[in-house]
Amino acid sequence: MSTAALSAPHSGGRTRARGVRGRMPGWAWCTVCSLISAMFLLPLAGLVVTVFKSPQEAAASPPSYLPHHVSGDNFAKLSGSGTGLWRYLLNTAGVSLGTVLLTVTVSTLAGYGFARFRFPLRGPLFGVVLLGMMVPFQAILTPLYMVLRTLHLQNSLTGLVLVYATFQMPISVFLMRNSFEQVPAALLESAQSDGCSALSALWRVLLPVVAPGAVSVALFAFFSAWNEFLAALVLLSDDAKFTLPVFLSSLVSGRLGSVDWGVLEAGVLVAMVPCVVIFLLLQRYYVKGLVAGSVK
């Protein structure tokens, strides 16, 4: 198929977008885009403003829109010796990186197998993998707890990594299979004719080509593990092993469990920064990986 044919869907989409924009006055287009941007940015701006209020001002009712004076007390209280912020950050980072490593490794091998090898029941097996996307892990949280307890992995960060990676696997295998299928078969045949084994061809030739898909899988796995709350809350009972979302949920003080909003939102800001930075650095690979296999 020619390059022009391959680019036709994309050029058609760009033409339609230019057509919509061409039918709107310039001021109307800018207004719509500004309103959509404001819808996403205003909550973030409110978060940042609250973080730099004093603890008393952050908890005041009714709240003030702007701080009367900029204060770093919320960050100081969050990182104080009594909270152990860095311990929870390290726990979360370890779980997230372990989930990324396991998910990318297994899904790459599985996607390579489903895309490039012919074996009995290949289609039904791939369908079974995709069925995993229809099962919310909340529905089987109790059996998961019992399985991990039997394997002596309950209250373990390793067990949490296995749970996160398992539930990331269906969408990850799907993305990697699509990535491998868009690679020309002649590339693999050429590598094998040069003496590469199946695994050697994967490592030396195919993996650099499907890197955008692998990056997309890694981003999905990282964000899911970094922000996940319920499984960590249920499967971990030792305070020293809590992840950052579980720790943030415990930031309450005062009578009747009143929330210390300044400290809580400072923690949310700290948790958000790594996700934003990683996404901005890898967004071009993320977009390429999502559309992998969408056209032939």
Protein backbone atom coordinates (compact mmCIF):
# COMPACT_ATOMS: atom_id res chain seq x y z
CA MET A 1 0.00 0.00 0.00
CA SER A 2 1.34 3.41 -0.91
CA THR A 3 2.43 6.07 1.56
CA ALA A 4 -0.32 8.34 0.28
CA ALA A 5 -2.93 5.71 1.10
CA LEU A 6 -1.54 5.27 4.59
CA SER A 7 -1.66 8.98 5.29
CA ALA A 8 -5.15 9.44 3.85
CA PRO A 9 -7.07 8.93 7.15
CA HIS A 10 -4.83 11.40 8.95
CA SER A 11 -5.01 13.99 6.17
CA GLY A 12 -8.80 13.60 6.08
CA GLY A 13 -8.99 14.27 9.82
CA ARG A 14 -6.79 17.33 9.52
CA THR A 15 -8.90 18.60 6.59
CA ARG A 16 -12.11 18.24 8.62
CA ALA A 17 -10.52 20.03 11.59
CA ARG A 18 -9.39 22.88 9.34
CA GLY A 19 -12.89 22.99 7.83
CA VAL A 20 -14.54 23.36 11.25
CA ARG A 21 -12.07 26.06 12.21
CA GLY A 22 -12.54 27.81 8.87
CA ARG A 23 -16.31 28.07 9.44
CA MET A 24 -15.80 29.77 12.83
CA PRO A 25 -14.60 33.35 13.31
CA GLY A 26 -11.17 33.62 14.85
CA TRP A 27 -12.47 35.16 18.09
CA ALA A 28 -15.03 32.36 18.49
CA TRP A 29 -12.39 29.67 18.01
CA CYS A 30 -10.11 31.30 20.59
CA THR A 31 -13.02 31.69 23.02
CA VAL A 32 -14.01 28.04 22.79
CA CYS A 33 -10.42 26.86 23.22
CA SER A 34 -9.91 29.22 26.17
CA LEU A 35 -13.06 27.99 27.91
CA ILE A 36 -12.07 24.35 27.48
CA SER A 37 -8.57 25.12 28.79
CA ALA A 38 -9.98 27.02 31.76
CA MET A 39 -12.22 24.08 32.63
CA PHE A 40 -9.10 21.94 33.17
CA LEU A 41 -6.75 24.60 34.56
CA LEU A 42 -8.98 26.30 37.15
CA PRO A 43 -9.08 23.31 39.55
CA LEU A 44 -5.29 23.07 39.33
CA ALA A 45 -4.97 26.79 40.00
CA GLY A 46 -7.24 26.43 43.03
CA LEU A 47 -5.08 23.57 44.28
CA VAL A 48 -1.86 25.61 43.99
CA VAL A 49 -3.45 28.64 45.67
CA THR A 50 -4.65 26.54 48.62
CA VAL A 51 -1.24 24.93 49.04
CA PHE A 52 0.42 28.31 49.62
CA LYS A 53 -2.11 29.49 52.21
CA SER A 54 -1.44 29.17 55.90
CA PRO A 55 -3.06 26.09 57.52
CA GLN A 56 -5.62 28.27 59.30
CA GLU A 57 -6.51 30.16 56.11
CA ALA A 58 -6.76 26.93 54.08
CA ALA A 59 -9.27 25.55 56.58
CA ALA A 60 -11.27 28.79 56.88
CA SER A 61 -14.97 28.84 55.98
CA PRO A 62 -15.91 30.56 53.78
CA PRO A 63 -12.58 30.22 51.97
CA SER A 64 -10.64 33.13 50.52
CA TYR A 65 -9.80 33.03 46.83
CA LEU A 66 -6.22 34.27 47.27
CA PRO A 67 -3.84 33.88 50.23
CA HIS A 68 -3.31 36.99 52.33
CA HIS A 69 0.34 36.02 52.54
CA VAL A 70 2.31 33.20 50.92
CA SER A 71 3.14 30.45 53.38
CA GLY A 72 5.18 27.25 53.10
CA ASP A 73 3.82 25.81 56.35
CA ASN A 74 1.81 23.13 54.56
CA PHE A 75 4.91 21.73 52.87
CA ALA A 76 6.85 21.93 56.14
CA LYS A 77 4.11 20.05 57.97
CA LEU A 78 3.84 17.49 55.16
CA SER A 79 7.56 16.71 55.14
CA GLY A 80 7.93 16.83 58.92
CA SER A 81 9.53 13.96 60.79
CA GLY A 82 6.17 12.72 62.03
CA THR A 83 4.67 12.10 58.59
CA GLY A 84 7.46 10.13 56.89
CA LEU A 85 6.63 11.58 53.48
CA TRP A 86 9.82 10.35 51.85
CA ARG A 87 9.22 6.79 53.04
CA TYR A 88 5.81 6.76 51.35
CA LEU A 89 7.23 8.35 48.22
CA LEU A 90 9.88 5.64 48.02
CA ASN A 91 7.25 2.92 48.57
CA THR A 92 5.11 4.35 45.78
CA ALA A 93 8.06 4.79 43.44
CA GLY A 94 9.23 1.22 44.06
CA VAL A 95 5.76 -0.24 43.44
CA SER A 96 5.26 1.90 40.31
CA LEU A 97 8.64 1.08 38.78
CA GLY A 98 8.22 -2.61 39.58
CA THR A 99 4.80 -2.58 37.92
CA VAL A 100 6.24 -0.84 34.86
CA LEU A 101 9.12 -3.30 34.53
CA LEU A 102 6.94 -6.40 34.91
CA THR A 103 4.13 -5.09 32.70
CA VAL A 104 6.39 -3.95 29.85
CA THR A 105 8.43 -7.18 29.89
CA VAL A 106 5.49 -9.60 29.91
CA SER A 107 3.28 -7.60 27.53
CA THR A 108 6.12 -7.16 25.03
CA LEU A 109 6.79 -10.90 24.92
CA ALA A 110 3.08 -11.71 24.78
CA GLY A 111 2.36 -9.10 22.10
CA TYR A 112 5.30 -10.38 20.05
CA GLY A 113 4.00 -13.94 20.31
CA PHE A 114 0.42 -13.08 19.37
CA ALA A 115 1.49 -10.89 16.46
CA ARG A 116 4.29 -12.93 14.88
CA PHE A 117 3.74 -16.59 15.71
CA ARG A 118 1.07 -19.01 14.56
CA PHE A 119 0.02 -21.54 17.22
CA PRO A 120 -3.16 -23.42 18.10
CA LEU A 121 -5.95 -21.40 19.73
CA ARG A 122 -4.08 -18.15 19.20
CA GLY A 123 -7.30 -16.19 18.58
CA PRO A 124 -9.29 -17.60 21.52
CA LEU A 125 -6.35 -17.11 23.87
CA PHE A 126 -6.02 -13.48 22.83
CA GLY A 127 -9.76 -13.10 23.38
CA VAL A 128 -9.38 -14.51 26.90
CA VAL A 129 -6.65 -11.93 27.58
CA LEU A 130 -8.93 -9.12 26.41
CA LEU A 131 -11.75 -10.39 28.62
CA GLY A 132 -9.62 -9.33 31.56
CA MET A 133 -10.45 -5.71 30.70
CA MET A 134 -14.09 -6.41 31.55
CA VAL A 135 -13.35 -7.53 35.11
CA PRO A 136 -12.90 -4.65 37.59
CA PHE A 137 -10.42 -5.65 40.25
CA GLN A 138 -12.76 -4.25 42.92
CA ALA A 139 -15.12 -7.14 42.13
CA ILE A 140 -12.50 -9.76 43.03
CA LEU A 141 -10.65 -7.90 45.76
CA THR A 142 -11.59 -10.44 48.45
CA PRO A 143 -10.34 -13.47 46.43
CA LEU A 144 -7.18 -11.51 45.63
CA TYR A 145 -6.61 -10.91 49.32
CA MET A 146 -7.03 -14.63 50.05
CA VAL A 147 -4.66 -15.64 47.22
CA LEU A 148 -1.97 -13.24 48.38
CA ARG A 149 -2.39 -14.42 51.94
CA THR A 150 -1.95 -18.04 50.82
CA LEU A 151 1.21 -17.09 48.94
CA HIS A 152 2.49 -15.08 51.94
CA LEU A 153 2.44 -11.92 49.82
CA GLN A 154 -0.32 -10.12 51.71
CA ASN A 155 0.97 -6.89 53.31
CA SER A 156 3.83 -6.96 50.81
CA LEU A 157 4.87 -4.43 48.20
CA THR A 158 5.83 -7.34 45.95
CA GLY A 159 2.28 -8.68 46.11
CA LEU A 160 0.97 -5.21 45.29
CA VAL A 161 3.22 -5.08 42.21
CA LEU A 162 1.86 -8.44 41.03
CA VAL A 163 -1.74 -7.27 41.46
CA TYR A 164 -1.15 -4.00 39.59
CA ALA A 165 0.76 -5.70 36.76
CA THR A 166 -1.91 -8.38 36.38
CA PHE A 167 -4.67 -5.87 35.85
CA GLN A 168 -2.56 -3.79 33.48
CA MET A 169 -1.78 -6.82 31.34
CA PRO A 170 -4.89 -7.00 29.05
CA ILE A 171 -4.66 -3.45 27.67
CA SER A 172 -0.85 -3.68 27.58
CA VAL A 173 -0.85 -6.91 25.55
CA PHE A 174 -3.43 -5.38 23.21
CA LEU A 175 -1.27 -2.29 22.59
CA MET A 176 1.93 -4.28 22.10
CA ARG A 177 0.25 -6.74 19.72
CA ASN A 178 -0.93 -3.82 17.60
CA SER A 179 2.55 -2.30 17.68
CA PHE A 180 4.19 -5.51 16.47
CA GLU A 181 1.57 -6.07 13.78
CA GLN A 182 2.32 -2.76 12.13
CA VAL A 183 5.99 -3.73 11.67
CA PRO A 184 6.59 -5.18 8.17
CA ALA A 185 7.09 -8.94 8.22
CA ALA A 186 10.04 -8.50 5.88
CA LEU A 187 11.98 -6.81 8.68
CA LEU A 188 11.73 -9.89 10.90
CA GLU A 189 12.49 -12.23 7.99
CA SER A 190 15.56 -10.19 7.12
CA ALA A 191 16.83 -10.39 10.70
CA GLN A 192 16.26 -14.15 10.82
CA SER A 193 18.05 -14.64 7.49
CA ASP A 194 21.03 -12.83 9.02
CA GLY A 195 21.16 -15.43 11.79
CA CYS A 196 19.06 -13.82 14.51
CA SER A 197 16.94 -16.04 16.68
CA ALA A 198 13.38 -15.02 17.53
CA LEU A 199 14.45 -13.37 20.80
CA SER A 200 17.55 -11.83 19.27
CA ALA A 201 15.48 -10.31 16.46
CA LEU A 202 13.06 -8.96 19.05
CA TRP A 203 15.84 -7.33 21.08
CA ARG A 204 18.04 -6.06 18.25
CA VAL A 205 15.58 -5.20 15.49
CA LEU A 206 11.92 -5.03 16.54
CA LEU A 207 12.12 -3.48 19.98
CA PRO A 208 13.49 -0.12 18.76
CA VAL A 209 10.69 0.01 16.18
CA VAL A 210 7.90 -0.65 18.70
CA ALA A 211 9.41 1.63 21.36
CA PRO A 212 6.45 4.09 21.21
CA GLY A 213 4.05 1.27 22.07
CA ALA A 214 6.27 0.15 24.95
CA VAL A 215 6.42 3.73 26.25
CA SER A 216 2.61 3.95 26.15
CA VAL A 217 2.36 0.71 28.11
CA ALA A 218 4.90 2.00 30.63
CA LEU A 219 3.01 5.27 31.09
CA PHE A 220 -0.31 3.50 31.60
CA ALA A 221 1.26 1.16 34.16
CA PHE A 222 3.12 3.93 35.99
CA PHE A 223 0.15 6.27 36.31
CA SER A 224 -2.15 3.46 37.39
CA ALA A 225 0.23 2.18 40.06
CA TRP A 226 1.24 5.65 41.26
CA ASN A 227 -2.35 6.82 41.81
CA GLU A 228 -4.07 3.57 42.84
CA PHE A 229 -5.66 3.69 46.29
CA LEU A 230 -8.16 0.91 47.01
CA ALA A 231 -5.96 -2.16 46.48
CA ALA A 232 -3.12 -0.62 48.50
CA LEU A 233 -5.52 0.25 51.31
CA VAL A 234 -6.96 -3.29 51.47
CA LEU A 235 -3.83 -5.36 50.83
CA LEU A 236 -1.39 -3.41 53.03
CA SER A 237 -1.77 -3.32 56.80
CA ASP A 238 1.70 -2.17 57.87
CA ASP A 239 1.94 1.62 58.10
CA ALA A 240 5.59 1.54 57.01
CA LYS A 241 4.57 -0.03 53.67
CA PHE A 242 1.77 2.35 52.78
CA THR A 243 1.87 4.06 49.39
CA LEU A 244 1.43 7.81 48.95
CA PRO A 245 -2.35 7.76 48.16
CA VAL A 246 -3.03 5.74 51.32
CA PHE A 247 -0.86 8.09 53.35
CA LEU A 248 -2.66 11.14 51.96
CA SER A 249 -6.01 9.65 52.92
CA SER A 250 -4.84 9.57 56.54
CA LEU A 251 -4.06 13.31 56.66
CA VAL A 252 -6.95 14.23 58.93
CA SER A 253 -6.82 16.03 62.21
CA GLY A 254 -9.11 17.71 64.65
CA ARG A 255 -12.49 16.74 65.98
CA LEU A 256 -14.79 14.44 64.00
CA GLY A 257 -12.05 13.72 61.44
CA SER A 258 -11.86 17.24 59.98
CA VAL A 259 -9.49 17.40 57.02
CA ASP A 260 -6.32 19.47 57.04
CA TRP A 261 -6.91 20.78 53.51
CA GLY A 262 -3.63 22.68 53.19
CA VAL A 263 -1.45 19.66 54.01
CA LEU A 264 -3.63 17.30 51.99
CA GLU A 265 -3.47 19.44 48.86
CA ALA A 266 0.27 19.94 49.32
CA GLY A 267 0.54 16.15 49.22
CA VAL A 268 -1.64 16.00 46.13
CA LEU A 269 0.63 18.54 44.43
CA VAL A 270 3.73 16.51 45.34
CA ALA A 271 2.09 13.34 43.99
CA MET A 272 1.05 15.10 40.79
CA VAL A 273 4.45 16.54 39.83
CA PRO A 274 6.17 13.26 38.77
CA CYS A 275 3.19 12.28 36.61
CA VAL A 276 3.11 15.65 34.85
CA VAL A 277 6.87 15.71 34.24
CA ILE A 278 7.02 12.14 32.91
CA PHE A 279 4.03 12.68 30.63
CA LEU A 280 5.44 15.91 29.18
CA LEU A 281 8.78 14.22 28.50
CA LEU A 282 7.26 11.17 26.81
CA GLN A 283 4.02 12.47 25.31
CA ARG A 284 5.17 12.19 21.69
CA TYR A 285 5.90 8.48 22.17
CA TYR A 286 2.60 8.10 24.00
CA VAL A 287 0.59 9.44 21.06
CA LYS A 288 2.48 7.25 18.57
CA GLY A 289 1.91 4.18 20.72
CA LEU A 290 -1.81 4.77 21.07
CA VAL A 291 -2.38 4.94 17.30
CA ALA A 292 -0.11 1.96 16.56
CA GLY A 293 -1.96 -0.52 14.39
CA SER A 294 -4.90 1.81 13.77
CA VAL A 295 -4.18 1.86 10.04
CA LYS A 296 -2.75 -0.73 7.71
